[in-house]
């Protein structure tokens, strides 16, 4: 209990040690390491290497690096905070992920490899036509931009609120600085670089997680079993919410988690761009399935950390019932104000490691999708390699600017729980993609393409109305993460009603 009894001393030591200057220095040193990796991996990389890494990425490296991309700063900061109100019910979402990853491995990946896709949305062009193809790509661009910038905002917010505000550095300057660093090391190498930088970043993030858990257990002078029992006694260890009206009802989490994985990974160009950079289908399948199992373990550790943080907060007198308390602030508050300097250093390194995967892969994938799907640089024979390179770099910078605008918008919103916001927004933005792909893979009907963009806009609006009015319409029922399934079904219904039956549809079906 020595650490707890002397936490005031630790605060004074921390303030002297974790300064804005040190924070900026750590970010710059970290960036230099990423830049070295970028220089090494980006040698002789053309557009094909930027988009697909020359199809030479080892599956196990991709799998490990994708842990960091799947988790990002949101999991690192926001998931532990959810334990206060949702206990460990988030674990049912993660178990659902595993079922989703199995569907990706044995349904979607065979399709992508069989068609030898660079952009996964090219499937929609082959199956339906150009309008549906571009509609699907635009859905991804909107969805990934929202999700990636929300994740990026959270980490920048933590750095700003706990360290950089005291130095008088404005939020916008921090956001510009971080995005400039990301553009610098992704500008040339694209996926070929990110596969390796994500591996480094995942290592540091998971290492920081394990060290923080160990430190708190040691500080409280308890072991894993005693800590978990304390969480159970405090009501923080419950996995199953059995009230079907609750948004956290375990079946809603399980079903929602499965379809969140299918859409936010399997139908997401950023995540699939890394998967299809693996040389063989079997390697890509190993990558996805192993990722599903690893995420269960890692997310449990994050939730366990969340329970520890609330136990620790009670011991040191943090008022979690205060009106202005934000669950996303709990981990950084304790790490930077109550941990000793060395653990503050570990937290900052882990946080920085969680920061970059939130945006680097997203900017690269958005660049790829916009160039290939919207601009059609690979379809236009008049654009040689040099012209394609110029356009790709302009688009890359354009998305960095768009990210900056979106991050500043989230800063203005100041949402209390980013993880909840991201998954809810994902239900609205990825739902139409789910409906389109399912319709294409499991029917042979022909679409009237002119109505596809209208359906893709109306479906989220109808879903939103259902979610808003569900408590009054359905006897107190509240939608949870299963909302993405509802959105997908509404899209599917709209497509079905606007399509015609034909035995002469194009010969592109599901891989089953």
Protein backbone atom coordinates (compact mmCIF):
# COMPACT_ATOMS: atom_id res chain seq x y z
CA UNK A 1 0.00 0.00 0.00
CA UNK A 2 3.03 2.26 0.02
CA UNK A 3 2.32 3.66 -3.43
CA UNK A 4 -1.26 4.50 -2.49
CA UNK A 5 -0.29 6.21 0.74
CA UNK A 6 2.26 8.35 -1.03
CA UNK A 7 0.31 9.22 -4.15
CA UNK A 8 0.56 12.96 -3.46
CA UNK A 9 4.34 12.67 -3.65
CA UNK A 10 4.00 10.78 -6.90
CA UNK A 11 1.90 13.61 -8.32
CA UNK A 12 4.56 16.19 -7.61
CA UNK A 13 7.26 13.97 -9.10
CA UNK A 14 5.11 13.33 -12.15
CA UNK A 15 4.50 17.01 -12.81
CA UNK A 16 8.22 17.65 -12.85
CA UNK A 17 8.97 14.69 -15.10
CA UNK A 18 6.19 14.37 -17.71
CA UNK A 19 6.46 17.83 -19.25
CA UNK A 20 5.10 18.96 -22.63
CA UNK A 21 8.70 19.20 -23.87
CA UNK A 22 9.34 15.57 -22.96
CA UNK A 23 6.06 14.51 -24.56
CA UNK A 24 6.88 16.25 -27.84
CA UNK A 25 10.40 14.80 -27.73
CA UNK A 26 9.01 11.27 -27.28
CA UNK A 27 6.65 11.76 -30.23
CA UNK A 28 9.51 13.01 -32.42
CA UNK A 29 11.81 10.13 -31.45
CA UNK A 30 9.01 7.66 -32.07
CA UNK A 31 8.35 9.28 -35.42
CA UNK A 32 12.02 8.98 -36.40
CA UNK A 33 11.82 5.23 -35.82
CA UNK A 34 8.73 5.06 -38.03
CA UNK A 35 10.48 7.16 -40.66
CA UNK A 36 13.43 4.74 -40.74
CA UNK A 37 11.00 1.83 -41.24
CA UNK A 38 9.25 3.83 -43.95
CA UNK A 39 12.51 4.57 -45.75
CA UNK A 40 13.54 0.92 -45.67
CA UNK A 41 10.19 -0.55 -46.75
CA UNK A 42 9.31 2.09 -49.35
CA UNK A 43 12.36 1.60 -51.55
CA UNK A 44 11.32 1.05 -55.18
CA UNK A 45 7.63 1.10 -54.25
CA UNK A 46 5.27 2.02 -57.08
CA UNK A 47 1.49 2.32 -57.05
CA UNK A 48 1.04 -1.46 -56.81
CA UNK A 49 3.29 -1.59 -53.76
CA UNK A 50 1.45 1.38 -52.20
CA UNK A 51 -1.96 -0.23 -52.68
CA UNK A 52 -1.17 -3.93 -51.99
CA UNK A 53 2.39 -4.14 -50.68
CA UNK A 54 3.35 -6.14 -53.81
CA UNK A 55 1.36 -9.04 -52.28
CA UNK A 56 4.40 -10.04 -50.25
CA UNK A 57 3.29 -9.37 -46.65
CA UNK A 58 3.81 -12.31 -44.23
CA UNK A 59 0.43 -13.32 -42.79
CA UNK A 60 1.66 -13.46 -39.18
CA UNK A 61 3.10 -9.93 -39.42
CA UNK A 62 -0.20 -8.65 -40.85
CA UNK A 63 -2.16 -10.47 -38.11
CA UNK A 64 -0.07 -9.00 -35.30
CA UNK A 65 -0.13 -5.50 -36.77
CA UNK A 66 -3.88 -5.64 -37.26
CA UNK A 67 -4.32 -6.02 -33.49
CA UNK A 68 -3.17 -2.43 -33.13
CA UNK A 69 -5.38 -1.26 -35.98
CA UNK A 70 -8.42 -3.06 -34.56
CA UNK A 71 -7.84 -1.70 -31.07
CA UNK A 72 -6.29 1.75 -31.58
CA UNK A 73 -6.35 4.52 -29.01
CA UNK A 74 -10.08 4.08 -28.48
CA UNK A 75 -9.63 0.66 -26.89
CA UNK A 76 -6.58 1.83 -24.98
CA UNK A 77 -8.32 4.81 -23.37
CA UNK A 78 -12.09 4.39 -23.78
CA UNK A 79 -12.75 0.66 -23.22
CA UNK A 80 -11.37 0.57 -19.64
CA UNK A 81 -13.65 3.49 -18.79
CA UNK A 82 -16.80 1.63 -19.89
CA UNK A 83 -16.47 -0.76 -16.94
CA UNK A 84 -18.16 1.80 -14.69
CA UNK A 85 -21.52 1.67 -16.45
CA UNK A 86 -21.39 -1.53 -18.51
CA UNK A 87 -19.15 -3.79 -16.39
CA UNK A 88 -17.50 -6.33 -18.72
CA UNK A 89 -20.53 -6.73 -20.98
CA UNK A 90 -18.37 -5.43 -23.86
CA UNK A 91 -16.77 -8.89 -23.89
CA UNK A 92 -19.87 -10.26 -25.59
CA UNK A 93 -19.25 -7.83 -28.45
CA UNK A 94 -15.71 -9.19 -28.71
CA UNK A 95 -16.92 -12.81 -28.68
CA UNK A 96 -19.24 -11.78 -31.50
CA UNK A 97 -16.20 -10.46 -33.36
CA UNK A 98 -14.83 -14.00 -33.53
CA UNK A 99 -17.93 -15.29 -35.37
CA UNK A 100 -17.64 -12.33 -37.72
CA UNK A 101 -13.98 -13.06 -38.44
CA UNK A 102 -14.83 -16.68 -39.26
CA UNK A 103 -17.39 -15.42 -41.80
CA UNK A 104 -14.76 -13.11 -43.29
CA UNK A 105 -12.18 -15.90 -43.54
CA UNK A 106 -14.43 -18.46 -45.24
CA UNK A 107 -16.90 -16.32 -47.19
CA UNK A 108 -15.41 -12.94 -48.07
CA UNK A 109 -11.69 -13.65 -48.45
CA UNK A 110 -12.18 -16.48 -51.00
CA UNK A 111 -14.27 -14.06 -53.06
CA UNK A 112 -11.66 -11.29 -52.91
CA UNK A 113 -8.79 -13.62 -53.82
CA UNK A 114 -10.72 -15.33 -56.60
CA UNK A 115 -11.41 -11.97 -58.24
CA UNK A 116 -7.83 -10.73 -57.52
CA UNK A 117 -9.14 -7.42 -56.20
CA UNK A 118 -7.09 -4.36 -55.30
CA UNK A 119 -10.14 -2.49 -54.04
CA UNK A 120 -12.75 -4.81 -52.56
CA UNK A 121 -15.50 -2.56 -53.94
CA UNK A 122 -14.52 -3.54 -57.47
CA UNK A 123 -16.66 -6.62 -56.74
CA UNK A 124 -19.72 -4.36 -56.78
CA UNK A 125 -18.84 -3.10 -60.26
CA UNK A 126 -18.48 -6.64 -61.56
CA UNK A 127 -21.69 -7.81 -59.89
CA UNK A 128 -23.93 -4.78 -60.45
CA UNK A 129 -22.35 -1.86 -62.30
CA UNK A 130 -20.55 1.44 -61.91
CA UNK A 131 -23.21 3.27 -59.86
CA UNK A 132 -23.38 0.60 -57.16
CA UNK A 133 -19.59 0.30 -57.23
CA UNK A 134 -19.11 4.01 -56.55
CA UNK A 135 -21.93 4.06 -53.99
CA UNK A 136 -20.22 1.29 -52.02
CA UNK A 137 -16.89 3.04 -52.19
CA UNK A 138 -18.38 6.34 -51.02
CA UNK A 139 -20.06 4.56 -48.10
CA UNK A 140 -16.65 3.25 -47.07
CA UNK A 141 -15.02 6.67 -47.46
CA UNK A 142 -17.64 8.31 -45.23
CA UNK A 143 -17.66 5.48 -42.67
CA UNK A 144 -13.90 5.12 -42.37
CA UNK A 145 -13.33 8.87 -42.24
CA UNK A 146 -15.76 9.20 -39.33
CA UNK A 147 -14.41 6.18 -37.46
CA UNK A 148 -10.71 6.91 -37.95
CA UNK A 149 -10.95 10.59 -37.07
CA UNK A 150 -12.99 9.84 -33.93
CA UNK A 151 -10.26 7.43 -32.82
CA UNK A 152 -7.54 9.92 -33.67
CA UNK A 153 -9.35 12.70 -31.85
CA UNK A 154 -9.50 10.74 -28.60
CA UNK A 155 -5.75 10.20 -28.39
CA UNK A 156 -4.91 13.78 -29.39
CA UNK A 157 -7.42 14.96 -26.79
CA UNK A 158 -5.67 12.98 -24.05
CA UNK A 159 -2.24 14.33 -24.98
CA UNK A 160 -3.67 17.83 -25.15
CA UNK A 161 -5.75 17.84 -21.99
CA UNK A 162 -3.23 16.19 -19.69
CA UNK A 163 0.07 17.51 -21.02
CA UNK A 164 0.08 20.10 -23.79
CA UNK A 165 -2.53 22.61 -22.58
CA UNK A 166 -0.19 23.61 -19.76
CA UNK A 167 2.40 24.61 -22.35
CA UNK A 168 -0.09 26.86 -24.11
CA UNK A 169 -0.14 24.69 -27.25
CA UNK A 170 -3.58 24.90 -28.91
CA UNK A 171 -5.48 21.75 -29.86
CA UNK A 172 -5.45 22.56 -33.57
CA UNK A 173 -1.63 22.85 -33.55
CA UNK A 174 -1.28 19.41 -31.96
CA UNK A 175 -3.66 17.91 -34.54
CA UNK A 176 -1.74 19.50 -37.43
CA UNK A 177 1.59 18.31 -36.01
CA UNK A 178 0.40 14.70 -35.60
CA UNK A 179 -1.14 14.52 -39.06
CA UNK A 180 2.00 15.94 -40.68
CA UNK A 181 4.01 13.16 -39.05
CA UNK A 182 1.57 10.51 -40.30
CA UNK A 183 1.61 11.84 -43.86
CA UNK A 184 5.41 11.95 -43.82
CA UNK A 185 5.91 8.23 -43.17
CA UNK A 186 2.96 6.91 -45.22
CA UNK A 187 3.38 9.21 -48.23
CA UNK A 188 5.55 6.87 -50.27
CA UNK A 189 5.32 3.32 -48.95
CA UNK A 190 1.58 2.96 -48.28
CA UNK A 191 0.53 -0.55 -47.26
CA UNK A 192 4.05 -1.94 -47.66
CA UNK A 193 5.20 0.44 -44.91
CA UNK A 194 2.12 0.25 -42.68
CA UNK A 195 2.23 -3.54 -42.35
CA UNK A 196 5.57 -3.16 -40.54
CA UNK A 197 4.95 0.09 -38.63
CA UNK A 198 1.71 -1.36 -37.26
CA UNK A 199 3.67 -4.33 -35.93
CA UNK A 200 6.01 -2.04 -33.99
CA UNK A 201 3.12 0.04 -32.68
CA UNK A 202 1.12 -3.00 -31.60
CA UNK A 203 4.14 -4.29 -29.66
CA UNK A 204 4.51 -1.05 -27.71
CA UNK A 205 0.78 -0.71 -27.05
CA UNK A 206 0.36 -4.25 -25.72
CA UNK A 207 3.58 -3.96 -23.75
CA UNK A 208 2.25 -0.79 -22.12
CA UNK A 209 -1.04 -2.52 -21.29
CA UNK A 210 0.68 -5.45 -19.56
CA UNK A 211 3.02 -3.18 -17.60
CA UNK A 212 0.15 -0.97 -16.41
CA UNK A 213 -1.84 -3.99 -15.22
CA UNK A 214 1.22 -5.37 -13.41
CA UNK A 215 1.99 -2.03 -11.79
CA UNK A 216 -1.53 -1.53 -10.39
CA UNK A 217 -1.67 -5.10 -9.06
CA UNK A 218 1.69 -4.54 -7.40
CA UNK A 219 0.62 -1.16 -6.01
CA UNK A 220 -2.54 -2.62 -4.49
CA UNK A 221 -0.56 -5.61 -3.23
CA UNK A 222 -3.03 -8.10 -4.73
CA UNK A 223 -2.87 -10.81 -7.36
CA UNK A 224 -5.03 -11.41 -10.45
CA UNK A 225 -7.56 -13.67 -8.68
CA UNK A 226 -8.09 -11.30 -5.75
CA UNK A 227 -8.46 -8.35 -8.12
CA UNK A 228 -11.07 -10.15 -10.22
CA UNK A 229 -13.02 -11.12 -7.10
CA UNK A 230 -12.97 -7.48 -5.99
CA UNK A 231 -14.37 -6.49 -9.39
CA UNK A 232 -17.13 -9.08 -9.03
CA UNK A 233 -17.98 -7.75 -5.56
CA UNK A 234 -18.16 -4.23 -6.98
CA UNK A 235 -20.34 -5.35 -9.91
CA UNK A 236 -17.64 -4.63 -12.51
CA UNK A 237 -17.07 -8.20 -13.75
CA UNK A 238 -20.49 -9.07 -15.21
CA UNK A 239 -20.30 -10.28 -18.83
CA UNK A 240 -24.01 -10.96 -19.36
CA UNK A 241 -26.71 -8.29 -19.25
CA UNK A 242 -29.97 -10.26 -19.33
CA UNK A 243 -32.47 -7.40 -19.68
CA UNK A 244 -33.52 -7.68 -23.33
CA UNK A 245 -34.65 -4.05 -23.38
CA UNK A 246 -31.17 -2.83 -22.48
CA UNK A 247 -28.79 -1.74 -25.27
CA UNK A 248 -26.18 -3.93 -23.56
CA UNK A 249 -28.31 -7.12 -23.64
CA UNK A 250 -25.84 -9.93 -24.28
CA UNK A 251 -27.52 -11.23 -27.46
CA UNK A 252 -27.57 -7.71 -28.92
CA UNK A 253 -23.85 -7.42 -28.14
CA UNK A 254 -23.11 -10.88 -29.56
CA UNK A 255 -25.03 -10.38 -32.82
CA UNK A 256 -23.93 -6.77 -33.15
CA UNK A 257 -20.30 -7.72 -32.56
CA UNK A 258 -20.39 -10.37 -35.30
CA UNK A 259 -21.77 -7.96 -37.87
CA UNK A 260 -19.56 -5.09 -36.73
CA UNK A 261 -16.58 -7.36 -37.44
CA UNK A 262 -17.97 -8.37 -40.84
CA UNK A 263 -18.59 -4.77 -41.88
CA UNK A 264 -15.82 -2.82 -40.15
CA UNK A 265 -13.22 -5.44 -41.11
CA UNK A 266 -14.51 -7.63 -43.94
CA UNK A 267 -16.21 -4.85 -45.90
CA UNK A 268 -13.64 -2.21 -44.99
CA UNK A 269 -10.94 -1.39 -47.54
CA UNK A 270 -8.41 -0.41 -44.86
CA UNK A 271 -8.57 -3.73 -43.05
CA UNK A 272 -8.93 -5.87 -46.17
CA UNK A 273 -6.17 -3.99 -47.99
CA UNK A 274 -3.74 -5.42 -45.46
CA UNK A 275 -5.29 -8.90 -45.62
CA UNK A 276 -5.19 -9.18 -49.40
CA UNK A 277 -1.57 -7.99 -49.35
CA UNK A 278 -0.79 -11.50 -48.04
CA UNK A 279 0.45 -13.74 -50.86
CA UNK A 280 -1.97 -16.66 -50.42
CA UNK A 281 -5.61 -17.09 -49.43
CA UNK A 282 -4.74 -19.63 -46.73
CA UNK A 283 -2.29 -17.16 -45.18
CA UNK A 284 -4.92 -14.42 -45.15
CA UNK A 285 -7.43 -16.80 -43.53
CA UNK A 286 -4.93 -17.72 -40.81
CA UNK A 287 -4.42 -14.01 -40.23
CA UNK A 288 -8.13 -13.25 -39.75
CA UNK A 289 -8.99 -16.27 -37.59
CA UNK A 290 -5.98 -15.82 -35.30
CA UNK A 291 -6.87 -12.14 -34.95
CA UNK A 292 -10.33 -13.07 -33.69
CA UNK A 293 -8.95 -15.25 -30.89
CA UNK A 294 -6.23 -12.77 -29.92
CA UNK A 295 -8.71 -9.90 -29.65
CA UNK A 296 -10.74 -11.84 -27.07
CA UNK A 297 -7.70 -12.11 -24.80
CA UNK A 298 -6.51 -8.55 -25.36
CA UNK A 299 -9.92 -6.94 -24.85
CA UNK A 300 -10.42 -8.92 -21.65
CA UNK A 301 -7.11 -7.55 -20.42
CA UNK A 302 -8.25 -4.00 -21.23
CA UNK A 303 -11.52 -4.52 -19.34
CA UNK A 304 -9.62 -6.09 -16.46
CA UNK A 305 -7.43 -2.98 -16.45
CA UNK A 306 -10.64 -0.90 -16.35
CA UNK A 307 -11.81 -2.74 -13.24
CA UNK A 308 -8.40 -2.22 -11.64
CA UNK A 309 -8.52 1.50 -12.44
CA UNK A 310 -11.85 1.92 -10.63
CA UNK A 311 -10.52 0.01 -7.61
CA UNK A 312 -7.42 2.19 -7.67
CA UNK A 313 -9.52 5.35 -8.07
CA UNK A 314 -11.53 4.50 -4.98
CA UNK A 315 -8.34 3.97 -2.97
CA UNK A 316 -6.80 7.31 -3.94
CA UNK A 317 -10.03 9.28 -3.61
CA UNK A 318 -10.94 10.10 -7.22
CA UNK A 319 -14.61 11.12 -7.34
CA UNK A 320 -16.01 9.07 -10.22
CA UNK A 321 -19.53 10.23 -9.28
CA UNK A 322 -18.69 13.85 -10.03
CA UNK A 323 -20.90 15.54 -12.62
CA UNK A 324 -17.93 16.47 -14.81
CA UNK A 325 -16.33 13.00 -14.64
CA UNK A 326 -15.56 11.49 -18.06
CA UNK A 327 -14.87 7.77 -18.22
CA UNK A 328 -12.43 8.30 -21.12
CA UNK A 329 -10.30 10.43 -18.80
CA UNK A 330 -9.88 7.86 -16.02
CA UNK A 331 -6.88 5.94 -17.38
CA UNK A 332 -4.83 8.99 -18.48
CA UNK A 333 -5.70 10.83 -15.25
CA UNK A 334 -4.40 8.00 -13.07
CA UNK A 335 -1.41 7.22 -15.31
CA UNK A 336 -0.20 10.83 -15.51
CA UNK A 337 -1.22 12.13 -12.07
CA UNK A 338 -0.90 9.11 -9.77
CA UNK A 339 1.60 6.72 -11.35
CA UNK A 340 5.35 7.27 -10.79
CA UNK A 341 7.31 8.95 -13.61
CA UNK A 342 8.51 5.72 -15.23
CA UNK A 343 4.92 4.46 -15.61
CA UNK A 344 3.85 7.82 -16.97
CA UNK A 345 6.56 7.35 -19.58
CA UNK A 346 5.21 3.84 -20.38
CA UNK A 347 1.69 5.22 -20.72
CA UNK A 348 2.78 7.98 -23.13
CA UNK A 349 4.72 5.53 -25.33
CA UNK A 350 1.76 3.12 -25.40
CA UNK A 351 -0.64 5.97 -26.13
CA UNK A 352 1.48 7.23 -29.01
CA UNK A 353 1.64 3.66 -30.31
CA UNK A 354 -2.14 3.56 -30.20
CA UNK A 355 -2.38 6.94 -31.92
CA UNK A 356 -0.68 6.29 -35.25
CA UNK A 357 -2.59 3.12 -36.31
CA UNK A 358 -5.78 5.15 -35.86
CA UNK A 359 -4.94 7.22 -38.90
CA UNK A 360 -2.03 5.91 -40.99
CA UNK A 361 -3.80 2.88 -42.41
CA UNK A 362 -7.05 4.81 -42.79
CA UNK A 363 -5.48 7.62 -44.82
CA UNK A 364 -3.70 5.05 -47.01
CA UNK A 365 -6.86 2.98 -47.57
CA UNK A 366 -8.98 6.06 -48.26
CA UNK A 367 -6.37 7.24 -50.74
CA UNK A 368 -6.45 3.84 -52.45
CA UNK A 369 -10.23 3.67 -52.56
CA UNK A 370 -10.68 7.21 -53.86
CA UNK A 371 -7.99 6.81 -56.52
CA UNK A 372 -9.09 3.38 -57.72
CA UNK A 373 -12.86 3.49 -57.17
CA UNK A 374 -13.82 7.13 -57.64
CA UNK A 375 -11.11 8.55 -59.93
CA UNK A 376 -10.55 5.25 -61.71
CA UNK A 377 -6.81 5.76 -62.18
CA UNK A 378 -6.34 2.11 -63.12
CA UNK A 379 -9.16 2.23 -65.65
CA UNK A 380 -7.90 5.33 -67.45
CA UNK A 381 -5.28 4.23 -69.96
CA UNK A 382 -4.21 7.85 -70.58
CA UNK A 383 -2.75 8.08 -67.08
CA UNK A 384 0.71 6.57 -66.97
CA UNK A 385 2.50 5.55 -63.77
CA UNK A 386 3.84 9.06 -63.23
CA UNK A 387 0.41 10.69 -63.59
CA UNK A 388 -1.12 8.12 -61.25
CA UNK A 389 1.60 8.84 -58.70
CA UNK A 390 0.90 12.59 -58.82
CA UNK A 391 -2.84 12.09 -58.37
CA UNK A 392 -2.35 9.60 -55.57
CA UNK A 393 -0.14 12.03 -53.63
CA UNK A 394 -2.62 14.89 -54.06
CA UNK A 395 -5.43 12.68 -52.78
CA UNK A 396 -3.27 11.51 -49.86
CA UNK A 397 -2.69 15.08 -48.72
CA UNK A 398 -6.35 15.90 -49.31
CA UNK A 399 -7.47 13.20 -46.92
CA UNK A 400 -5.00 14.41 -44.29
CA UNK A 401 -6.65 17.84 -44.49
CA UNK A 402 -10.10 16.22 -44.26
CA UNK A 403 -8.94 14.31 -41.17
CA UNK A 404 -7.83 17.56 -39.58
CA UNK A 405 -11.25 19.15 -40.16
CA UNK A 406 -13.04 16.09 -38.75
CA UNK A 407 -10.80 15.93 -35.65
CA UNK A 408 -11.52 19.59 -34.94
CA UNK A 409 -15.25 18.84 -35.32
CA UNK A 410 -15.08 16.00 -32.77
CA UNK A 411 -13.20 18.33 -30.45
CA UNK A 412 -16.12 20.72 -30.73
CA UNK A 413 -18.60 17.90 -29.94
CA UNK A 414 -16.60 16.80 -26.85
CA UNK A 415 -18.39 13.42 -26.66
CA UNK A 416 -18.16 11.55 -23.35
CA UNK A 417 -17.48 8.04 -24.64
CA UNK A 418 -15.85 7.74 -28.05
CA UNK A 419 -15.98 3.92 -28.20
CA UNK A 420 -19.77 3.99 -27.91
CA UNK A 421 -20.02 6.81 -30.46
CA UNK A 422 -17.85 4.97 -33.02
CA UNK A 423 -19.79 1.70 -32.82
CA UNK A 424 -23.13 3.50 -33.04
CA UNK A 425 -22.03 5.59 -36.02
CA UNK A 426 -20.68 2.41 -37.60
CA UNK A 427 -24.17 0.95 -37.41
CA UNK A 428 -25.47 3.78 -39.57
CA UNK A 429 -22.59 4.13 -42.03
CA UNK A 430 -21.59 0.49 -42.59
CA UNK A 431 -25.13 -0.95 -42.56
CA UNK A 432 -25.85 -0.14 -46.23
CA UNK A 433 -22.55 -1.77 -47.26
CA UNK A 434 -23.64 -4.92 -45.44
CA UNK A 435 -26.98 -4.93 -47.26
CA UNK A 436 -25.40 -4.41 -50.70
CA UNK A 437 -22.77 -7.14 -50.31
CA UNK A 438 -25.25 -9.69 -48.89
CA UNK A 439 -27.67 -8.92 -51.72
CA UNK A 440 -24.91 -9.39 -54.29
CA UNK A 441 -23.50 -12.59 -52.82
CA UNK A 442 -26.72 -14.43 -52.05
CA UNK A 443 -29.06 -13.44 -54.87
CA UNK A 444 -28.86 -13.34 -58.66
CA UNK A 445 -31.27 -10.45 -59.06
CA UNK A 446 -30.44 -7.42 -61.21
CA UNK A 447 -30.55 -3.97 -59.65
CA UNK A 448 -32.00 -0.81 -61.03
CA UNK A 449 -28.82 1.06 -60.26
CA UNK A 450 -30.28 4.55 -60.32
CA UNK A 451 -32.05 3.89 -57.00
CA UNK A 452 -29.03 2.46 -55.16
CA UNK A 453 -27.65 5.83 -53.91
CA UNK A 454 -31.15 6.80 -52.74
CA UNK A 455 -31.53 3.55 -50.79
CA UNK A 456 -28.09 4.03 -49.24
CA UNK A 457 -29.19 7.43 -47.92
CA UNK A 458 -32.72 6.48 -46.87
CA UNK A 459 -31.72 3.30 -45.03
CA UNK A 460 -29.64 5.02 -42.31
CA UNK A 461 -32.35 7.69 -41.92
CA UNK A 462 -35.06 5.06 -41.42
CA UNK A 463 -32.78 3.18 -39.02
CA UNK A 464 -32.15 6.35 -37.05
CA UNK A 465 -35.89 6.98 -36.73
CA UNK A 466 -36.38 3.42 -35.49
CA UNK A 467 -33.61 3.79 -32.92
CA UNK A 468 -34.93 7.13 -31.67
CA UNK A 469 -38.53 5.95 -31.30
CA UNK A 470 -37.97 2.32 -30.29
CA UNK A 471 -38.58 2.90 -26.52
CA UNK A 472 -42.04 4.38 -27.16
CA UNK A 473 -42.96 2.13 -30.11
CA UNK A 474 -41.72 -1.18 -28.68
CA UNK A 475 -42.48 -0.99 -24.96
CA UNK A 476 -39.17 0.38 -23.72
CA UNK A 477 -36.92 -1.60 -26.07
CA UNK A 478 -33.63 0.15 -26.84
CA UNK A 479 -31.42 -0.75 -29.79
CA UNK A 480 -27.79 -1.64 -29.11
CA UNK A 481 -25.07 -2.62 -31.56
CA UNK A 482 -27.52 -4.90 -33.39
CA UNK A 483 -28.67 -1.71 -35.10
CA UNK A 484 -26.17 -2.43 -37.87
CA UNK A 485 -28.12 -5.61 -38.73
CA UNK A 486 -31.38 -3.65 -38.87
CA UNK A 487 -29.77 -1.10 -41.18
CA UNK A 488 -28.43 -3.85 -43.42
CA UNK A 489 -31.83 -5.56 -43.59
CA UNK A 490 -33.56 -2.30 -44.53
CA UNK A 491 -30.99 -1.77 -47.29
CA UNK A 492 -31.42 -5.35 -48.48
CA UNK A 493 -35.22 -4.96 -48.56
CA UNK A 494 -34.94 -1.74 -50.55
CA UNK A 495 -32.58 -3.36 -53.06
CA UNK A 496 -34.81 -6.42 -53.38
CA UNK A 497 -37.94 -4.37 -54.03
CA UNK A 498 -36.16 -2.28 -56.66
CA UNK A 499 -34.58 -5.25 -58.46
CA UNK A 500 -35.78 -7.73 -61.05
CA UNK A 501 -35.39 -11.49 -61.17
CA UNK A 502 -33.22 -12.85 -63.96
CA UNK A 503 -31.36 -16.01 -64.79
CA UNK A 504 -29.01 -14.00 -66.94
CA UNK A 505 -27.34 -12.04 -64.18
CA UNK A 506 -23.59 -11.71 -64.25
CA UNK A 507 -21.74 -14.79 -63.14
CA UNK A 508 -20.30 -13.44 -59.90
CA UNK A 509 -21.76 -15.17 -56.87
CA UNK A 510 -20.75 -15.98 -53.36
CA UNK A 511 -17.73 -18.24 -52.73
CA UNK A 512 -19.97 -20.94 -51.26
